[in-house]
Amino acid sequence: MNKKIPALVLILFFRQLATLISAGVPIIQALDILRHGQSNKILRYLLMIIKQDLEAGNALSACLSKFPRYFDVLTCHLIQIGEQSGTMVIMLNRIASHKEKLLSMQNKLKQVLFYPAIVMLVAMTVTIIMLTMVVPRFAELFQTMHHTLPAFTLTIIHLSEWVCHYYWLMLFPVTAIVPLIYYFHHSALLRNKIERLILQLPYVGPIYTKIILSRFCRTLATTFSAGVPISDCLHSIAYATGSHFYAQIVLKLRVQITKGQQLHQAMQKHPVFPHLLIEMVKVGEESGTLEKMLEKMATIYESDLEHGMAMCGHLLEPLIMVILGVLIGGLVIAMYLPIFKLGTAI
């Protein structure tokens, strides 16, 4: 099973399971009810396997952990806590709420990037069509005119000839993407280097950092509020940040905490954590309100992200118009410039 289950489907599943269990329905019967009413084929199949494992005497957390592609470590850990403490309904609702907040942030990012991506894709497609189909026709026309062409027009014609003859060089980066993505997912060294590079980029780096830190704060608050020791929390959420580079740092925090240090003291040794976050964690540890402080920081980062993405969207719109004007308008002007000159000469 290589296909993914949509996040919204999983959120609805956890909500419905919590509702049925809170109504007094046994968990095996609840899974059976949800399986028959499930439209997603993958989840329906998984629920059948999980139900069989539960009937064999296994715990729900152990059953879910067999499918790490669909149920992450954090989810399984929280369900295990719910099983041990008798707070399964609370944990299921907490998992659903956590996933809803992450999904909301992802959707906002996609909304900001969708419009520029589509416009640029259309612009590149139109440009390639003009260079391979329209410009060569004009070039044939210009050969019959026996007039010296403007430098701008000659440049576009040469570019068109290069694209028509060496189009395979343009396909090479596209074909190289697939093995590069595969290598990226299987090479920790490459992922660390790429993530370090992204973090150092202007504008992009701060946005990427806030995404990671908001996830870190939100997931840590979720697990800590469930009564999990801070060292176990860090072990569970290490890869929930979505960054392999930050995951290694979080695991280092866990090692330092097991040696007796407080969380804020361990964070001070890593410059990737902002001073404000460290101070808020320190206040939370000293006042016993670490969960609330982490939630506040997650909200702050998410608010900054929303503002930054809104500003980015407003800035991208005129930039895209300029790029479109340069690409499409430049090609049109280059083709008609000799005709205008000929008309002036006549």
Protein backbone atom coordinates (compact mmCIF):
# COMPACT_ATOMS: atom_id res chain seq x y z
CA MET A 1 0.00 0.00 0.00
CA ASN A 2 1.87 3.02 -1.29
CA LYS A 3 -1.06 5.40 -1.53
CA LYS A 4 -1.57 8.02 1.14
CA ILE A 5 -4.68 8.56 3.21
CA PRO A 6 -5.80 12.23 3.11
CA ALA A 7 -5.18 14.03 6.41
CA LEU A 8 -8.82 15.12 6.55
CA VAL A 9 -9.94 11.48 6.38
CA LEU A 10 -7.71 10.55 9.33
CA ILE A 11 -8.91 13.55 11.34
CA LEU A 12 -12.53 12.53 10.77
CA PHE A 13 -11.68 8.94 11.72
CA PHE A 14 -10.17 9.97 15.08
CA ARG A 15 -13.12 12.28 15.80
CA GLN A 16 -15.67 9.57 15.01
CA LEU A 17 -13.77 6.95 17.02
CA ALA A 18 -13.66 9.29 20.04
CA THR A 19 -17.41 9.93 19.72
CA LEU A 20 -18.27 6.22 19.59
CA ILE A 21 -16.01 5.31 22.53
CA SER A 22 -17.41 8.20 24.61
CA ALA A 23 -20.90 6.82 23.86
CA GLY A 24 -19.90 3.52 25.47
CA VAL A 25 -19.34 1.51 22.27
CA PRO A 26 -16.55 -1.12 22.66
CA ILE A 27 -13.50 -0.23 20.59
CA ILE A 28 -13.71 -3.35 18.38
CA GLN A 29 -17.34 -2.67 17.60
CA ALA A 30 -16.55 1.01 17.01
CA LEU A 31 -13.86 0.12 14.46
CA ASP A 32 -16.27 -2.26 12.75
CA ILE A 33 -18.90 0.50 12.51
CA LEU A 34 -16.38 2.96 11.09
CA ARG A 35 -15.04 0.36 8.64
CA HIS A 36 -18.47 -0.24 7.10
CA GLY A 37 -19.10 3.49 6.78
CA GLN A 38 -15.63 4.32 5.42
CA SER A 39 -15.40 5.42 1.76
CA ASN A 40 -11.59 5.43 1.67
CA LYS A 41 -10.53 1.95 0.54
CA ILE A 42 -7.09 2.06 2.17
CA LEU A 43 -8.40 3.09 5.58
CA ARG A 44 -11.23 0.54 5.30
CA TYR A 45 -8.65 -2.20 4.70
CA LEU A 46 -6.46 -0.95 7.57
CA LEU A 47 -9.43 -0.94 9.95
CA MET A 48 -10.14 -4.56 9.05
CA ILE A 49 -6.53 -5.56 9.87
CA ILE A 50 -6.52 -3.48 13.09
CA LYS A 51 -9.80 -5.05 14.21
CA GLN A 52 -8.36 -8.53 13.69
CA ASP A 53 -5.26 -7.59 15.72
CA LEU A 54 -7.43 -6.21 18.53
CA GLU A 55 -9.46 -9.42 18.60
CA ALA A 56 -6.17 -11.30 18.95
CA GLY A 57 -5.50 -9.37 22.17
CA ASN A 58 -3.20 -6.59 20.99
CA ALA A 59 -3.48 -2.97 22.14
CA LEU A 60 -4.71 -0.32 19.70
CA SER A 61 -1.42 1.60 19.87
CA ALA A 62 0.50 -1.57 18.96
CA CYS A 63 -1.87 -2.24 16.06
CA LEU A 64 -1.49 1.28 14.67
CA SER A 65 2.29 1.24 15.03
CA LYS A 66 2.43 -1.52 12.40
CA PHE A 67 1.44 1.12 9.82
CA PRO A 68 3.93 3.99 10.38
CA ARG A 69 3.13 5.43 6.94
CA TYR A 70 -0.37 6.33 8.13
CA PHE A 71 -0.01 6.57 11.93
CA ASP A 72 3.11 8.40 13.12
CA VAL A 73 5.04 7.84 16.35
CA LEU A 74 3.34 10.77 18.07
CA THR A 75 -0.15 9.40 17.34
CA CYS A 76 0.73 5.91 18.58
CA HIS A 77 2.38 7.33 21.70
CA LEU A 78 -0.63 9.44 22.65
CA ILE A 79 -2.99 6.50 22.12
CA GLN A 80 -0.75 4.34 24.29
CA ILE A 81 -0.98 6.97 27.03
CA GLY A 82 -4.76 7.01 26.63
CA GLU A 83 -4.88 3.23 27.00
CA GLN A 84 -2.73 3.28 30.15
CA SER A 85 -4.46 6.23 31.83
CA GLY A 86 -8.04 5.54 30.73
CA THR A 87 -8.22 8.81 28.78
CA MET A 88 -8.58 7.36 25.29
CA VAL A 89 -11.34 9.79 24.26
CA ILE A 90 -9.29 12.81 25.37
CA MET A 91 -6.22 11.55 23.52
CA LEU A 92 -8.15 10.83 20.31
CA ASN A 93 -9.67 14.32 20.33
CA ARG A 94 -6.26 15.81 21.08
CA ILE A 95 -4.73 13.94 18.11
CA ALA A 96 -7.53 15.17 15.84
CA SER A 97 -7.14 18.77 17.03
CA HIS A 98 -3.38 18.63 16.57
CA LYS A 99 -3.72 17.27 13.03
CA GLU A 100 -6.37 19.89 12.20
CA LYS A 101 -4.04 22.73 13.19
CA LEU A 102 -1.17 21.30 11.15
CA LEU A 103 -3.47 20.75 8.16
CA SER A 104 -4.78 24.32 8.41
CA MET A 105 -1.24 25.70 8.26
CA GLN A 106 -0.35 23.47 5.30
CA ASN A 107 -3.46 24.57 3.41
CA LYS A 108 -2.61 28.23 3.93
CA LEU A 109 0.88 27.64 2.56
CA LYS A 110 -0.54 25.85 -0.47
CA GLN A 111 -3.00 28.68 -1.12
CA VAL A 112 -0.18 31.22 -1.18
CA LEU A 113 1.99 29.13 -3.50
CA PHE A 114 -0.77 27.80 -5.79
CA TYR A 115 -1.48 30.99 -7.75
CA PRO A 116 2.18 31.91 -8.49
CA ALA A 117 2.99 28.30 -9.42
CA ILE A 118 0.10 28.03 -11.89
CA VAL A 119 0.82 31.42 -13.48
CA MET A 120 4.52 30.65 -13.87
CA LEU A 121 3.73 27.21 -15.32
CA VAL A 122 1.40 28.78 -17.88
CA ALA A 123 3.98 31.48 -18.67
CA MET A 124 6.74 28.92 -19.24
CA THR A 125 4.43 26.79 -21.40
CA VAL A 126 3.44 29.77 -23.57
CA THR A 127 7.09 30.83 -23.86
CA ILE A 128 8.21 27.37 -25.00
CA ILE A 129 5.34 27.17 -27.53
CA MET A 130 6.29 30.57 -28.96
CA LEU A 131 9.99 29.69 -29.16
CA THR A 132 9.38 26.33 -30.85
CA MET A 133 6.39 27.11 -33.09
CA VAL A 134 5.84 30.86 -33.56
CA VAL A 135 9.38 32.29 -33.68
CA PRO A 136 10.62 29.83 -36.38
CA ARG A 137 7.76 30.97 -38.66
CA PHE A 138 8.77 34.60 -38.21
CA ALA A 139 12.42 33.66 -38.81
CA GLU A 140 11.46 32.16 -42.19
CA LEU A 141 9.55 35.34 -43.03
CA PHE A 142 12.49 37.56 -42.08
CA GLN A 143 14.85 35.59 -44.36
CA THR A 144 12.82 36.75 -47.38
CA MET A 145 13.00 40.40 -46.36
CA HIS A 146 16.79 40.73 -46.92
CA HIS A 147 17.07 43.38 -44.22
CA THR A 148 19.39 43.54 -41.22
CA LEU A 149 17.44 42.40 -38.18
CA PRO A 150 17.62 44.19 -34.80
CA ALA A 151 19.97 42.62 -32.23
CA PHE A 152 17.06 41.85 -29.91
CA THR A 153 15.23 39.94 -32.66
CA LEU A 154 18.37 38.02 -33.63
CA THR A 155 18.91 37.03 -30.00
CA ILE A 156 15.37 35.61 -29.75
CA ILE A 157 15.77 33.75 -33.07
CA HIS A 158 19.05 32.20 -31.91
CA LEU A 159 17.42 31.25 -28.62
CA SER A 160 14.56 29.63 -30.55
CA GLU A 161 17.02 27.65 -32.70
CA TRP A 162 18.88 26.50 -29.59
CA VAL A 163 15.64 25.35 -27.91
CA CYS A 164 14.51 23.49 -31.06
CA HIS A 165 17.84 21.70 -31.50
CA TYR A 166 18.79 21.10 -27.86
CA TYR A 167 15.40 20.59 -26.22
CA TRP A 168 16.71 17.37 -24.69
CA LEU A 169 19.00 19.45 -22.46
CA MET A 170 15.90 21.11 -21.04
CA LEU A 171 14.36 17.71 -20.32
CA PHE A 172 17.43 16.58 -18.39
CA PRO A 173 16.66 18.58 -15.19
CA VAL A 174 13.08 17.27 -15.27
CA THR A 175 14.19 13.63 -15.56
CA ALA A 176 16.80 14.20 -12.83
CA ILE A 177 14.15 15.29 -10.32
CA VAL A 178 12.86 11.76 -9.64
CA PRO A 179 16.22 10.19 -8.63
CA LEU A 180 17.10 13.37 -6.73
CA ILE A 181 13.88 13.15 -4.69
CA TYR A 182 14.54 9.45 -4.02
CA TYR A 183 18.09 10.19 -2.91
CA PHE A 184 16.86 13.10 -0.78
CA HIS A 185 14.48 10.82 1.14
CA HIS A 186 17.14 8.14 1.66
CA SER A 187 20.20 10.29 2.38
CA ALA A 188 20.33 12.01 5.75
CA LEU A 189 23.50 13.88 4.73
CA LEU A 190 21.86 15.38 1.63
CA ARG A 191 18.74 16.36 3.56
CA ASN A 192 20.80 18.12 6.22
CA LYS A 193 22.78 20.06 3.61
CA ILE A 194 19.68 21.12 1.67
CA GLU A 195 17.81 22.13 4.83
CA ARG A 196 20.82 24.14 6.07
CA LEU A 197 20.90 25.90 2.70
CA ILE A 198 17.15 26.66 2.84
CA LEU A 199 17.45 28.03 6.38
CA GLN A 200 20.15 30.47 5.23
CA LEU A 201 18.17 31.83 2.29
CA PRO A 202 16.71 35.35 2.68
CA TYR A 203 12.93 35.50 3.16
CA VAL A 204 12.54 31.74 2.60
CA GLY A 205 14.75 30.77 5.56
CA PRO A 206 12.80 32.69 8.24
CA ILE A 207 9.47 31.36 6.91
CA TYR A 208 10.77 27.77 6.89
CA THR A 209 12.16 28.24 10.41
CA LYS A 210 8.81 29.49 11.73
CA ILE A 211 7.01 26.52 10.17
CA ILE A 212 9.37 24.13 11.95
CA LEU A 213 9.27 25.96 15.28
CA SER A 214 5.46 26.20 15.25
CA ARG A 215 5.27 22.43 14.71
CA PHE A 216 7.86 21.86 17.43
CA CYS A 217 5.98 23.99 19.97
CA ARG A 218 2.56 22.63 19.04
CA THR A 219 3.53 18.94 19.14
CA LEU A 220 5.60 19.35 22.33
CA ALA A 221 2.66 21.09 24.03
CA THR A 222 0.30 18.31 22.90
CA THR A 223 2.45 15.49 24.26
CA PHE A 224 3.46 17.32 27.46
CA SER A 225 -0.18 18.14 28.28
CA ALA A 226 -0.89 14.39 28.11
CA GLY A 227 1.40 13.88 31.11
CA VAL A 228 4.37 12.50 29.18
CA PRO A 229 7.84 13.19 30.68
CA ILE A 230 9.68 15.86 28.71
CA SER A 231 12.45 13.47 27.60
CA ASP A 232 9.87 11.03 26.18
CA CYS A 233 8.04 13.97 24.55
CA LEU A 234 11.18 14.98 22.68
CA HIS A 235 11.74 11.41 21.52
CA SER A 236 8.18 11.24 20.16
CA ILE A 237 8.14 14.61 18.40
CA ALA A 238 11.68 14.63 16.96
CA TYR A 239 10.59 13.92 13.39
CA ALA A 240 7.17 15.56 13.72
CA THR A 241 8.81 18.90 12.92
CA GLY A 242 9.13 17.81 9.30
CA SER A 243 12.83 18.69 9.29
CA HIS A 244 15.60 16.09 9.52
CA PHE A 245 18.06 18.80 10.58
CA TYR A 246 15.88 19.94 13.50
CA ALA A 247 15.05 16.34 14.39
CA GLN A 248 18.74 15.69 15.13
CA ILE A 249 18.84 18.77 17.35
CA VAL A 250 15.68 17.71 19.23
CA LEU A 251 17.25 14.30 19.89
CA LYS A 252 20.33 16.08 21.25
CA LEU A 253 18.04 18.07 23.56
CA ARG A 254 16.65 14.79 24.86
CA VAL A 255 20.15 13.49 25.66
CA GLN A 256 21.01 16.71 27.53
CA ILE A 257 17.74 16.59 29.50
CA THR A 258 18.34 12.98 30.56
CA LYS A 259 21.65 14.23 32.02
CA GLY A 260 19.75 16.58 34.34
CA GLN A 261 19.48 19.82 32.41
CA GLN A 262 16.25 21.76 32.02
CA LEU A 263 14.76 22.22 28.56
CA HIS A 264 15.61 25.91 28.28
CA GLN A 265 19.20 25.24 29.36
CA ALA A 266 19.59 22.59 26.68
CA MET A 267 18.01 24.87 24.05
CA GLN A 268 20.48 27.67 24.84
CA LYS A 269 23.29 25.51 23.45
CA HIS A 270 21.68 25.45 20.01
CA PRO A 271 21.51 28.79 18.13
CA VAL A 272 18.65 27.53 15.93
CA PHE A 273 16.23 28.31 18.77
CA PRO A 274 15.31 32.03 19.05
CA HIS A 275 15.94 33.88 22.31
CA LEU A 276 12.21 34.61 22.78
CA LEU A 277 11.31 30.92 22.58
CA ILE A 278 14.02 30.00 25.10
CA GLU A 279 12.82 32.70 27.53
CA MET A 280 9.19 31.58 27.22
CA VAL A 281 10.19 27.96 27.86
CA LYS A 282 12.20 29.11 30.89
CA VAL A 283 9.17 30.99 32.28
CA GLY A 284 6.97 27.97 31.62
CA GLU A 285 9.32 25.59 33.44
CA GLU A 286 9.74 27.89 36.42
CA SER A 287 6.00 28.60 36.75
CA GLY A 288 4.73 25.12 35.84
CA THR A 289 2.95 26.43 32.73
CA LEU A 290 5.21 24.98 30.04
CA GLU A 291 2.25 23.71 28.01
CA LYS A 292 0.63 27.17 27.90
CA MET A 293 3.90 28.88 27.00
CA LEU A 294 4.50 26.45 24.14
CA GLU A 295 0.94 26.93 22.88
CA LYS A 296 1.42 30.71 22.96
CA MET A 297 4.67 30.47 21.01
CA ALA A 298 3.05 28.16 18.45
CA THR A 299 0.23 30.69 18.04
CA ILE A 300 2.74 33.55 17.68
CA TYR A 301 4.71 31.71 14.98
CA GLU A 302 1.53 30.73 13.14
CA SER A 303 0.27 34.33 13.30
CA ASP A 304 3.61 35.59 11.95
CA LEU A 305 3.42 32.99 9.19
CA GLU A 306 -0.08 34.07 8.17
CA HIS A 307 0.99 37.71 8.09
CA GLY A 308 4.18 36.88 6.20
CA MET A 309 2.35 34.71 3.67
CA ALA A 310 -0.27 37.42 3.11
CA MET A 311 2.48 39.98 2.49
CA CYS A 312 4.28 37.51 0.24
CA GLY A 313 1.10 37.01 -1.78
CA HIS A 314 0.66 40.78 -2.24
CA LEU A 315 4.29 41.16 -3.32
CA LEU A 316 4.22 38.19 -5.69
CA GLU A 317 1.26 39.46 -7.72
CA PRO A 318 3.03 42.52 -9.25
CA LEU A 319 6.26 40.52 -9.57
CA ILE A 320 4.42 37.86 -11.57
CA MET A 321 2.91 40.52 -13.82
CA VAL A 322 6.39 41.93 -14.48
CA ILE A 323 7.76 38.46 -15.31
CA LEU A 324 4.83 37.77 -17.65
CA GLY A 325 5.33 41.12 -19.34
CA VAL A 326 9.04 40.49 -19.84
CA LEU A 327 8.59 36.93 -21.14
CA ILE A 328 5.54 37.22 -23.38
CA GLY A 329 5.78 40.93 -24.21
CA GLY A 330 9.48 40.64 -24.97
CA LEU A 331 8.91 37.83 -27.45
CA VAL A 332 6.09 39.70 -29.20
CA ILE A 333 8.11 42.92 -29.46
CA ALA A 334 11.16 41.05 -30.76
CA MET A 335 9.09 39.50 -33.55
CA TYR A 336 7.29 42.66 -34.61
CA LEU A 337 10.25 45.04 -34.27
CA PRO A 338 11.61 44.28 -37.79
CA ILE A 339 8.11 44.79 -39.26
CA PHE A 340 7.82 48.15 -37.52
CA LYS A 341 11.26 49.15 -38.86
CA LEU A 342 10.28 48.06 -42.37
CA GLY A 343 7.10 50.11 -42.19
CA THR A 344 9.09 53.16 -41.07
CA ALA A 345 11.54 52.69 -43.96
CA ILE A 346 8.69 52.52 -46.46
